[in-house]
PDB file of all heavy atoms in Angstrom:
ATOM      1  N   ASN A   1      15.814  15.111  42.001  1.00  0.00           N
ATOM      2  CA  ASN A   1      14.563  14.530  42.477  1.00  0.00           C
ATOM      3  C   ASN A   1      13.562  15.621  42.837  1.00  0.00           C
ATOM      4  O   ASN A   1      12.355  15.501  42.595  1.00  0.00           O
ATOM      5  CB  ASN A   1      14.820  13.651  43.701  1.00  0.00           C
ATOM      6  CG  ASN A   1      15.518  12.358  43.338  1.00  0.00           C
ATOM      7  OD1 ASN A   1      15.506  11.969  42.178  1.00  0.00           O
ATOM      8  ND2 ASN A   1      16.130  11.707  44.313  1.00  0.00           N
ATOM      9  N   ALA A   2      14.080  16.711  43.406  1.00  0.00           N
ATOM     10  CA  ALA A   2      13.184  17.807  43.775  1.00  0.00           C
ATOM     11  C   ALA A   2      12.546  18.425  42.536  1.00  0.00           C
ATOM     12  O   ALA A   2      11.355  18.739  42.509  1.00  0.00           O
ATOM     13  CB  ALA A   2      13.948  18.858  44.564  1.00  0.00           C
ATOM     14  N   SER A   3      13.343  18.609  41.495  1.00  0.00           N
ATOM     15  CA  SER A   3      12.815  19.184  40.251  1.00  0.00           C
ATOM     16  C   SER A   3      11.781  18.267  39.627  1.00  0.00           C
ATOM     17  O   SER A   3      10.740  18.709  39.146  1.00  0.00           O
ATOM     18  CB  SER A   3      13.959  19.437  39.258  1.00  0.00           C
ATOM     19  OG  SER A   3      14.871  20.373  39.794  1.00  0.00           O
ATOM     20  N   ALA A   4      12.100  16.959  39.660  1.00  0.00           N
ATOM     21  CA  ALA A   4      11.170  15.994  39.073  1.00  0.00           C
ATOM     22  C   ALA A   4       9.862  15.981  39.834  1.00  0.00           C
ATOM     23  O   ALA A   4       8.781  15.863  39.260  1.00  0.00           O
ATOM     24  CB  ALA A   4      11.807  14.600  39.062  1.00  0.00           C
ATOM     25  N   ALA A   5       9.958  16.102  41.159  1.00  0.00           N
ATOM     26  CA  ALA A   5       8.747  16.046  41.975  1.00  0.00           C
ATOM     27  C   ALA A   5       7.848  17.239  41.680  1.00  0.00           C
ATOM     28  O   ALA A   5       6.624  17.160  41.775  1.00  0.00           O
ATOM     29  CB  ALA A   5       9.114  16.020  43.458  1.00  0.00           C
ATOM     30  N   GLY A   6       8.452  18.387  41.323  1.00  0.00           N
ATOM     31  CA  GLY A   6       7.658  19.577  41.092  1.00  0.00           C
ATOM     32  C   GLY A   6       7.180  19.731  39.676  1.00  0.00           C
ATOM     33  O   GLY A   6       6.471  20.688  39.355  1.00  0.00           O
ATOM     34  N   SER A   7       7.552  18.822  38.780  1.00  0.00           N
ATOM     35  CA  SER A   7       7.182  18.953  37.373  1.00  0.00           C
ATOM     36  C   SER A   7       5.943  18.144  37.057  1.00  0.00           C
ATOM     37  O   SER A   7       5.574  17.241  37.774  1.00  0.00           O
ATOM     38  CB  SER A   7       8.335  18.488  36.479  1.00  0.00           C
ATOM     39  OG  SER A   7       8.561  17.108  36.672  1.00  0.00           O
ATOM     40  N   THR A   8       5.308  18.450  35.956  1.00  0.00           N
ATOM     41  CA  THR A   8       4.147  17.686  35.495  1.00  0.00           C
ATOM     42  C   THR A   8       4.384  17.283  34.059  1.00  0.00           C
ATOM     43  O   THR A   8       5.164  17.898  33.330  1.00  0.00           O
ATOM     44  CB  THR A   8       2.856  18.534  35.582  1.00  0.00           C
ATOM     45  OG1 THR A   8       3.037  19.722  34.818  1.00  0.00           O
ATOM     46  CG2 THR A   8       2.552  18.900  37.036  1.00  0.00           C
ATOM     47  N   ALA A   9       3.682  16.239  33.609  1.00  0.00           N
ATOM     48  CA  ALA A   9       3.825  15.774  32.234  1.00  0.00           C
ATOM     49  C   ALA A   9       3.306  16.836  31.281  1.00  0.00           C
ATOM     50  O   ALA A   9       2.245  17.435  31.506  1.00  0.00           O
ATOM     51  CB  ALA A   9       3.057  14.469  32.035  1.00  0.00           C
ATOM     52  N   THR A  10       4.047  17.060  30.206  1.00  0.00           N
ATOM     53  CA  THR A  10       3.648  18.083  29.234  1.00  0.00           C
ATOM     54  C   THR A  10       3.038  17.482  27.983  1.00  0.00           C
ATOM     55  O   THR A  10       2.484  18.205  27.163  1.00  0.00           O
ATOM     56  CB  THR A  10       4.866  18.934  28.839  1.00  0.00           C
ATOM     57  OG1 THR A  10       5.877  18.089  28.304  1.00  0.00           O
ATOM     58  CG2 THR A  10       5.428  19.659  30.060  1.00  0.00           C
ATOM     59  N   LEU A  11       3.149  16.149  27.835  1.00  0.00           N
ATOM     60  CA  LEU A  11       2.583  15.514  26.651  1.00  0.00           C
ATOM     61  C   LEU A  11       1.158  15.064  26.940  1.00  0.00           C
ATOM     62  O   LEU A  11       0.867  14.554  28.021  1.00  0.00           O
ATOM     63  CB  LEU A  11       3.425  14.291  26.253  1.00  0.00           C
ATOM     64  CG  LEU A  11       4.851  14.573  25.774  1.00  0.00           C
ATOM     65  CD1 LEU A  11       5.567  13.253  25.494  1.00  0.00           C
ATOM     66  CD2 LEU A  11       4.846  15.435  24.519  1.00  0.00           C
ATOM     67  N   PRO A  12       0.249  15.231  25.984  1.00  0.00           N
ATOM     68  CA  PRO A  12      -1.103  14.708  26.177  1.00  0.00           C
ATOM     69  C   PRO A  12      -1.061  13.187  26.215  1.00  0.00           C
ATOM     70  O   PRO A  12      -0.146  12.563  25.682  1.00  0.00           O
ATOM     71  CB  PRO A  12      -1.852  15.221  24.940  1.00  0.00           C
ATOM     72  CG  PRO A  12      -0.782  15.485  23.927  1.00  0.00           C
ATOM     73  CD  PRO A  12       0.416  15.919  24.705  1.00  0.00           C
ATOM     74  N   PRO A  13      -2.070  12.541  26.835  1.00  0.00           N
ATOM     75  CA  PRO A  13      -2.067  11.082  26.981  1.00  0.00           C
ATOM     76  C   PRO A  13      -1.881  10.336  25.673  1.00  0.00           C
ATOM     77  O   PRO A  13      -1.138   9.377  25.603  1.00  0.00           O
ATOM     78  CB  PRO A  13      -3.433  10.797  27.610  1.00  0.00           C
ATOM     79  CG  PRO A  13      -3.792  12.072  28.320  1.00  0.00           C
ATOM     80  CD  PRO A  13      -3.209  13.172  27.495  1.00  0.00           C
ATOM     81  N   ALA A  14      -2.548  10.776  24.601  1.00  0.00           N
ATOM     82  CA  ALA A  14      -2.442  10.060  23.331  1.00  0.00           C
ATOM     83  C   ALA A  14      -1.018  10.082  22.806  1.00  0.00           C
ATOM     84  O   ALA A  14      -0.499   9.085  22.308  1.00  0.00           O
ATOM     85  CB  ALA A  14      -3.392  10.675  22.308  1.00  0.00           C
ATOM     86  N   LEU A  15      -0.376  11.229  22.948  1.00  0.00           N
ATOM     87  CA  LEU A  15       0.985  11.348  22.465  1.00  0.00           C
ATOM     88  C   LEU A  15       1.937  10.535  23.328  1.00  0.00           C
ATOM     89  O   LEU A  15       2.897   9.954  22.851  1.00  0.00           O
ATOM     90  CB  LEU A  15       1.403  12.815  22.452  1.00  0.00           C
ATOM     91  CG  LEU A  15       2.735  13.144  21.752  1.00  0.00           C
ATOM     92  CD1 LEU A  15       2.743  12.588  20.349  1.00  0.00           C
ATOM     93  CD2 LEU A  15       2.987  14.642  21.753  1.00  0.00           C
ATOM     94  N   THR A  16       1.665  10.501  24.640  1.00  0.00           N
ATOM     95  CA  THR A  16       2.482   9.691  25.543  1.00  0.00           C
ATOM     96  C   THR A  16       2.414   8.216  25.140  1.00  0.00           C
ATOM     97  O   THR A  16       3.414   7.520  25.086  1.00  0.00           O
ATOM     98  CB  THR A  16       2.011   9.862  26.994  1.00  0.00           C
ATOM     99  OG1 THR A  16       2.090  11.230  27.336  1.00  0.00           O
ATOM    100  CG2 THR A  16       2.856   9.047  27.939  1.00  0.00           C
ATOM    101  N   ALA A  17       1.218   7.741  24.837  1.00  0.00           N
ATOM    102  CA  ALA A  17       1.055   6.352  24.410  1.00  0.00           C
ATOM    103  C   ALA A  17       1.779   6.094  23.100  1.00  0.00           C
ATOM    104  O   ALA A  17       2.414   5.048  22.910  1.00  0.00           O
ATOM    105  CB  ALA A  17      -0.434   6.022  24.269  1.00  0.00           C
ATOM    106  N   ALA A  18       1.709   7.041  22.193  1.00  0.00           N
ATOM    107  CA  ALA A  18       2.395   6.892  20.912  1.00  0.00           C
ATOM    108  C   ALA A  18       3.904   6.851  21.110  1.00  0.00           C
ATOM    109  O   ALA A  18       4.616   6.080  20.458  1.00  0.00           O
ATOM    110  CB  ALA A  18       2.009   8.031  19.969  1.00  0.00           C
ATOM    111  N   ALA A  19       4.394   7.699  22.029  1.00  0.00           N
ATOM    112  CA  ALA A  19       5.829   7.715  22.303  1.00  0.00           C
ATOM    113  C   ALA A  19       6.271   6.383  22.893  1.00  0.00           C
ATOM    114  O   ALA A  19       7.329   5.860  22.550  1.00  0.00           O
ATOM    115  CB  ALA A  19       6.165   8.860  23.254  1.00  0.00           C
ATOM    116  N   ARG A  20       5.420   5.851  23.780  1.00  0.00           N
ATOM    117  CA  ARG A  20       5.761   4.549  24.365  1.00  0.00           C
ATOM    118  C   ARG A  20       5.788   3.469  23.295  1.00  0.00           C
ATOM    119  O   ARG A  20       6.675   2.622  23.268  1.00  0.00           O
ATOM    120  CB  ARG A  20       4.748   4.184  25.456  1.00  0.00           C
ATOM    121  CG  ARG A  20       4.929   4.943  26.762  1.00  0.00           C
ATOM    122  CD  ARG A  20       4.230   4.201  27.890  1.00  0.00           C
ATOM    123  NE  ARG A  20       2.810   4.008  27.605  1.00  0.00           N
ATOM    124  CZ  ARG A  20       1.848   4.857  27.957  1.00  0.00           C
ATOM    125  NH1 ARG A  20       2.153   5.976  28.595  1.00  0.00           N
ATOM    126  NH2 ARG A  20       0.591   4.593  27.669  1.00  0.00           N
ATOM    127  N   ALA A  21       4.820   3.485  22.389  1.00  0.00           N
ATOM    128  CA  ALA A  21       4.759   2.474  21.329  1.00  0.00           C
ATOM    129  C   ALA A  21       5.976   2.555  20.431  1.00  0.00           C
ATOM    130  O   ALA A  21       6.513   1.542  19.991  1.00  0.00           O
ATOM    131  CB  ALA A  21       3.484   2.642  20.508  1.00  0.00           C
ATOM    132  N   ALA A  22       6.431   3.786  20.173  1.00  0.00           N
ATOM    133  CA  ALA A  22       7.604   3.957  19.311  1.00  0.00           C
ATOM    134  C   ALA A  22       8.860   3.385  19.954  1.00  0.00           C
ATOM    135  O   ALA A  22       9.804   3.011  19.264  1.00  0.00           O
ATOM    136  CB  ALA A  22       7.797   5.439  19.009  1.00  0.00           C
ATOM    137  N   GLN A  23       8.868   3.322  21.288  1.00  0.00           N
ATOM    138  CA  GLN A  23      10.020   2.800  22.002  1.00  0.00           C
ATOM    139  C   GLN A  23       9.887   1.313  22.330  1.00  0.00           C
ATOM    140  O   GLN A  23      10.741   0.750  22.992  1.00  0.00           O
ATOM    141  CB  GLN A  23      10.221   3.595  23.296  1.00  0.00           C
ATOM    142  CG  GLN A  23      10.588   5.055  23.048  1.00  0.00           C
ATOM    143  CD  GLN A  23      10.680   5.841  24.338  1.00  0.00           C
ATOM    144  OE1 GLN A  23      10.411   5.333  25.415  1.00  0.00           O
ATOM    145  NE2 GLN A  23      11.089   7.099  24.226  1.00  0.00           N
ATOM    146  N   THR A  24       8.795   0.700  21.899  1.00  0.00           N
ATOM    147  CA  THR A  24       8.555  -0.713  22.172  1.00  0.00           C
ATOM    148  C   THR A  24       9.056  -1.550  20.999  1.00  0.00           C
ATOM    149  O   THR A  24       8.466  -1.528  19.923  1.00  0.00           O
ATOM    150  CB  THR A  24       7.054  -0.991  22.383  1.00  0.00           C
ATOM    151  OG1 THR A  24       6.576  -0.181  23.463  1.00  0.00           O
ATOM    152  CG2 THR A  24       6.820  -2.452  22.710  1.00  0.00           C
ATOM    153  N   PRO A  25      10.144  -2.280  21.156  1.00  0.00           N
ATOM    154  CA  PRO A  25      10.662  -3.070  20.038  1.00  0.00           C
ATOM    155  C   PRO A  25       9.692  -4.183  19.640  1.00  0.00           C
ATOM    156  O   PRO A  25       8.959  -4.719  20.480  1.00  0.00           O
ATOM    157  CB  PRO A  25      11.962  -3.671  20.599  1.00  0.00           C
ATOM    158  CG  PRO A  25      12.280  -2.885  21.823  1.00  0.00           C
ATOM    159  CD  PRO A  25      10.970  -2.406  22.359  1.00  0.00           C
ATOM    160  N   SER A  26       9.688  -4.510  18.375  1.00  0.00           N
ATOM    161  CA  SER A  26       8.911  -5.665  17.947  1.00  0.00           C
ATOM    162  C   SER A  26       9.644  -6.937  18.371  1.00  0.00           C
ATOM    163  O   SER A  26      10.868  -7.017  18.309  1.00  0.00           O
ATOM    164  CB  SER A  26       8.722  -5.643  16.428  1.00  0.00           C
ATOM    165  OG  SER A  26       9.970  -5.676  15.759  1.00  0.00           O
ATOM    166  N   VAL A  27       8.873  -7.912  18.826  1.00  0.00           N
ATOM    167  CA  VAL A  27       9.433  -9.135  19.395  1.00  0.00           C
ATOM    168  C   VAL A  27       8.786 -10.337  18.733  1.00  0.00           C
ATOM    169  O   VAL A  27       7.571 -10.359  18.506  1.00  0.00           O
ATOM    170  CB  VAL A  27       9.197  -9.193  20.921  1.00  0.00           C
ATOM    171  CG1 VAL A  27       9.639 -10.538  21.487  1.00  0.00           C
ATOM    172  CG2 VAL A  27       9.934  -8.058  21.626  1.00  0.00           C
ATOM    173  N   THR A  28       9.596 -11.343  18.433  1.00  0.00           N
ATOM    174  CA  THR A  28       9.076 -12.632  17.998  1.00  0.00           C
ATOM    175  C   THR A  28       9.389 -13.668  19.062  1.00  0.00           C
ATOM    176  O   THR A  28      10.553 -13.853  19.432  1.00  0.00           O
ATOM    177  CB  THR A  28       9.686 -13.072  16.660  1.00  0.00           C
ATOM    178  OG1 THR A  28       9.316 -12.149  15.636  1.00  0.00           O
ATOM    179  CG2 THR A  28       9.196 -14.468  16.279  1.00  0.00           C
ATOM    180  N   ALA A  29       8.346 -14.301  19.585  1.00  0.00           N
ATOM    181  CA  ALA A  29       8.503 -15.372  20.569  1.00  0.00           C
ATOM    182  C   ALA A  29       8.480 -16.709  19.841  1.00  0.00           C
ATOM    183  O   ALA A  29       7.547 -16.998  19.082  1.00  0.00           O
ATOM    184  CB  ALA A  29       7.384 -15.316  21.604  1.00  0.00           C
ATOM    185  N   ILE A  30       9.503 -17.521  20.064  1.00  0.00           N
ATOM    186  CA  ILE A  30       9.673 -18.780  19.334  1.00  0.00           C
ATOM    187  C   ILE A  30       9.620 -19.961  20.298  1.00  0.00           C
ATOM    188  O   ILE A  30      10.331 -19.989  21.312  1.00  0.00           O
ATOM    189  CB  ILE A  30      11.009 -18.770  18.578  1.00  0.00           C
ATOM    190  CG1 ILE A  30      10.975 -17.709  17.471  1.00  0.00           C
ATOM    191  CG2 ILE A  30      11.332 -20.150  17.997  1.00  0.00           C
ATOM    192  CD1 ILE A  30      12.311 -17.453  16.813  1.00  0.00           C
ATOM    193  N   ILE A  31       8.774 -20.923  19.964  1.00  0.00           N
ATOM    194  CA  ILE A  31       8.661 -22.152  20.744  1.00  0.00           C
ATOM    195  C   ILE A  31       8.952 -23.317  19.813  1.00  0.00           C
ATOM    196  O   ILE A  31       8.191 -23.570  18.871  1.00  0.00           O
ATOM    197  CB  ILE A  31       7.259 -22.331  21.345  1.00  0.00           C
ATOM    198  CG1 ILE A  31       6.813 -21.076  22.089  1.00  0.00           C
ATOM    199  CG2 ILE A  31       7.218 -23.555  22.267  1.00  0.00           C
ATOM    200  CD1 ILE A  31       5.329 -21.027  22.346  1.00  0.00           C
ATOM    201  N   ALA A  32      10.049 -24.008  20.032  1.00  0.00           N
ATOM    202  CA  ALA A  32      10.327 -25.249  19.309  1.00  0.00           C
ATOM    203  C   ALA A  32       9.646 -26.383  20.067  1.00  0.00           C
ATOM    204  O   ALA A  32       9.822 -26.516  21.283  1.00  0.00           O
ATOM    205  CB  ALA A  32      11.828 -25.490  19.219  1.00  0.00           C
ATOM    206  N   ALA A  33       8.861 -27.184  19.354  1.00  0.00           N
ATOM    207  CA  ALA A  33       8.038 -28.178  20.038  1.00  0.00           C
ATOM    208  C   ALA A  33       8.082 -29.518  19.323  1.00  0.00           C
ATOM    209  O   ALA A  33       8.042 -29.568  18.084  1.00  0.00           O
ATOM    210  CB  ALA A  33       6.592 -27.689  20.114  1.00  0.00           C
ATOM    211  N   TYR A  34       8.134 -30.568  20.109  1.00  0.00           N
ATOM    212  CA  TYR A  34       7.999 -31.922  19.567  1.00  0.00           C
ATOM    213  C   TYR A  34       6.992 -32.677  20.424  1.00  0.00           C
ATOM    214  O   TYR A  34       7.210 -32.917  21.613  1.00  0.00           O
ATOM    215  CB  TYR A  34       9.335 -32.656  19.560  1.00  0.00           C
ATOM    216  CG  TYR A  34       9.193 -34.124  19.192  1.00  0.00           C
ATOM    217  CD1 TYR A  34       8.838 -34.502  17.890  1.00  0.00           C
ATOM    218  CD2 TYR A  34       9.378 -35.118  20.140  1.00  0.00           C
ATOM    219  CE1 TYR A  34       8.669 -35.834  17.551  1.00  0.00           C
ATOM    220  CE2 TYR A  34       9.223 -36.464  19.808  1.00  0.00           C
ATOM    221  CZ  TYR A  34       8.860 -36.816  18.519  1.00  0.00           C
ATOM    222  OH  TYR A  34       8.691 -38.141  18.184  1.00  0.00           O
ATOM    223  N   ASN A  35       5.842 -33.009  19.820  1.00  0.00           N
ATOM    224  CA  ASN A  35       4.772 -33.739  20.509  1.00  0.00           C
ATOM    225  C   ASN A  35       4.408 -33.080  21.841  1.00  0.00           C
ATOM    226  O   ASN A  35       4.479 -33.690  22.913  1.00  0.00           O
ATOM    227  CB  ASN A  35       5.170 -35.199  20.720  1.00  0.00           C
ATOM    228  CG  ASN A  35       5.117 -36.008  19.433  1.00  0.00           C
ATOM    229  OD1 ASN A  35       4.698 -35.497  18.386  1.00  0.00           O
ATOM    230  ND2 ASN A  35       5.545 -37.253  19.492  1.00  0.00           N
ATOM    231  N   GLU A  36       3.984 -31.828  21.741  1.00  0.00           N
ATOM    232  CA  GLU A  36       3.642 -31.038  22.925  1.00  0.00           C
ATOM    233  C   GLU A  36       2.157 -30.688  22.946  1.00  0.00           C
ATOM    234  O   GLU A  36       1.761 -29.607  23.384  1.00  0.00           O
ATOM    235  CB  GLU A  36       4.473 -29.754  22.953  1.00  0.00           C
ATOM    236  CG  GLU A  36       5.964 -29.960  23.023  1.00  0.00           C
ATOM    237  CD  GLU A  36       6.437 -30.329  24.428  1.00  0.00           C
ATOM    238  OE1 GLU A  36       5.585 -30.638  25.286  1.00  0.00           O
ATOM    239  OE2 GLU A  36       7.663 -30.324  24.663  1.00  0.00           O
ATOM    240  N   GLN A  37       1.313 -31.598  22.484  1.00  0.00           N
ATOM    241  CA  GLN A  37      -0.106 -31.289  22.371  1.00  0.00           C
ATOM    242  C   GLN A  37      -0.760 -30.949  23.711  1.00  0.00           C
ATOM    243  O   GLN A  37      -1.748 -30.216  23.767  1.00  0.00           O
ATOM    244  CB  GLN A  37      -0.859 -32.452  21.721  1.00  0.00           C
ATOM    245  CG  GLN A  37      -0.859 -33.740  22.518  1.00  0.00           C
ATOM    246  CD  GLN A  37      -1.660 -34.844  21.846  1.00  0.00           C
ATOM    247  OE1 GLN A  37      -2.032 -34.743  20.675  1.00  0.00           O
ATOM    248  NE2 GLN A  37      -1.940 -35.921  22.588  1.00  0.00           N
ATOM    249  N   GLU A  38      -0.212 -31.447  24.808  1.00  0.00           N
ATOM    250  CA  GLU A  38      -0.819 -31.204  26.108  1.00  0.00           C
ATOM    251  C   GLU A  38      -0.540 -29.803  26.634  1.00  0.00           C
ATOM    252  O   GLU A  38      -1.313 -29.284  27.446  1.00  0.00           O
ATOM    253  CB  GLU A  38      -0.322 -32.248  27.120  1.00  0.00           C
ATOM    254  CG  GLU A  38      -0.613 -33.686  26.739  1.00  0.00           C
ATOM    255  CD  GLU A  38      -2.104 -33.940  26.554  1.00  0.00           C
ATOM    256  OE1 GLU A  38      -2.900 -33.341  27.301  1.00  0.00           O
ATOM    257  OE2 GLU A  38      -2.471 -34.722  25.660  1.00  0.00           O
ATOM    258  N   VAL A  39       0.544 -29.199  26.212  1.00  0.00           N
ATOM    259  CA  VAL A  39       0.950 -27.924  26.818  1.00  0.00           C
ATOM    260  C   VAL A  39       1.064 -26.772  25.825  1.00  0.00           C
ATOM    261  O   VAL A  39       1.231 -25.623  26.240  1.00  0.00           O
ATOM    262  CB  VAL A  39       2.300 -28.077  27.560  1.00  0.00           C
ATOM    263  CG1 VAL A  39       2.165 -29.046  28.716  1.00  0.00           C
ATOM    264  CG2 VAL A  39       3.409 -28.500  26.595  1.00  0.00           C
ATOM    265  N   ILE A  40       0.990 -27.037  24.531  1.00  0.00           N
ATOM    266  CA  ILE A  40       1.282 -25.979  23.558  1.00  0.00           C
ATOM    267  C   ILE A  40       0.229 -24.866  23.582  1.00  0.00           C
ATOM    268  O   ILE A  40       0.567 -23.674  23.467  1.00  0.00           O
ATOM    269  CB  ILE A  40       1.445 -26.554  22.127  1.00  0.00           C
ATOM    270  CG1 ILE A  40       2.116 -25.514  21.222  1.00  0.00           C
ATOM    271  CG2 ILE A  40       0.122 -27.023  21.572  1.00  0.00           C
ATOM    272  CD1 ILE A  40       3.496 -25.117  21.646  1.00  0.00           C
TER     273      ILE A  40
END
């Protein structure tokens, strides 16, 4: 924890965002619906 507290990020913001995106799995959200016009 002490080492972590004394360290700083070495990746530029754009690269950090890209790294996060690469670790974000693609997801499909599925809704099975029957006569749900009021809430869909």
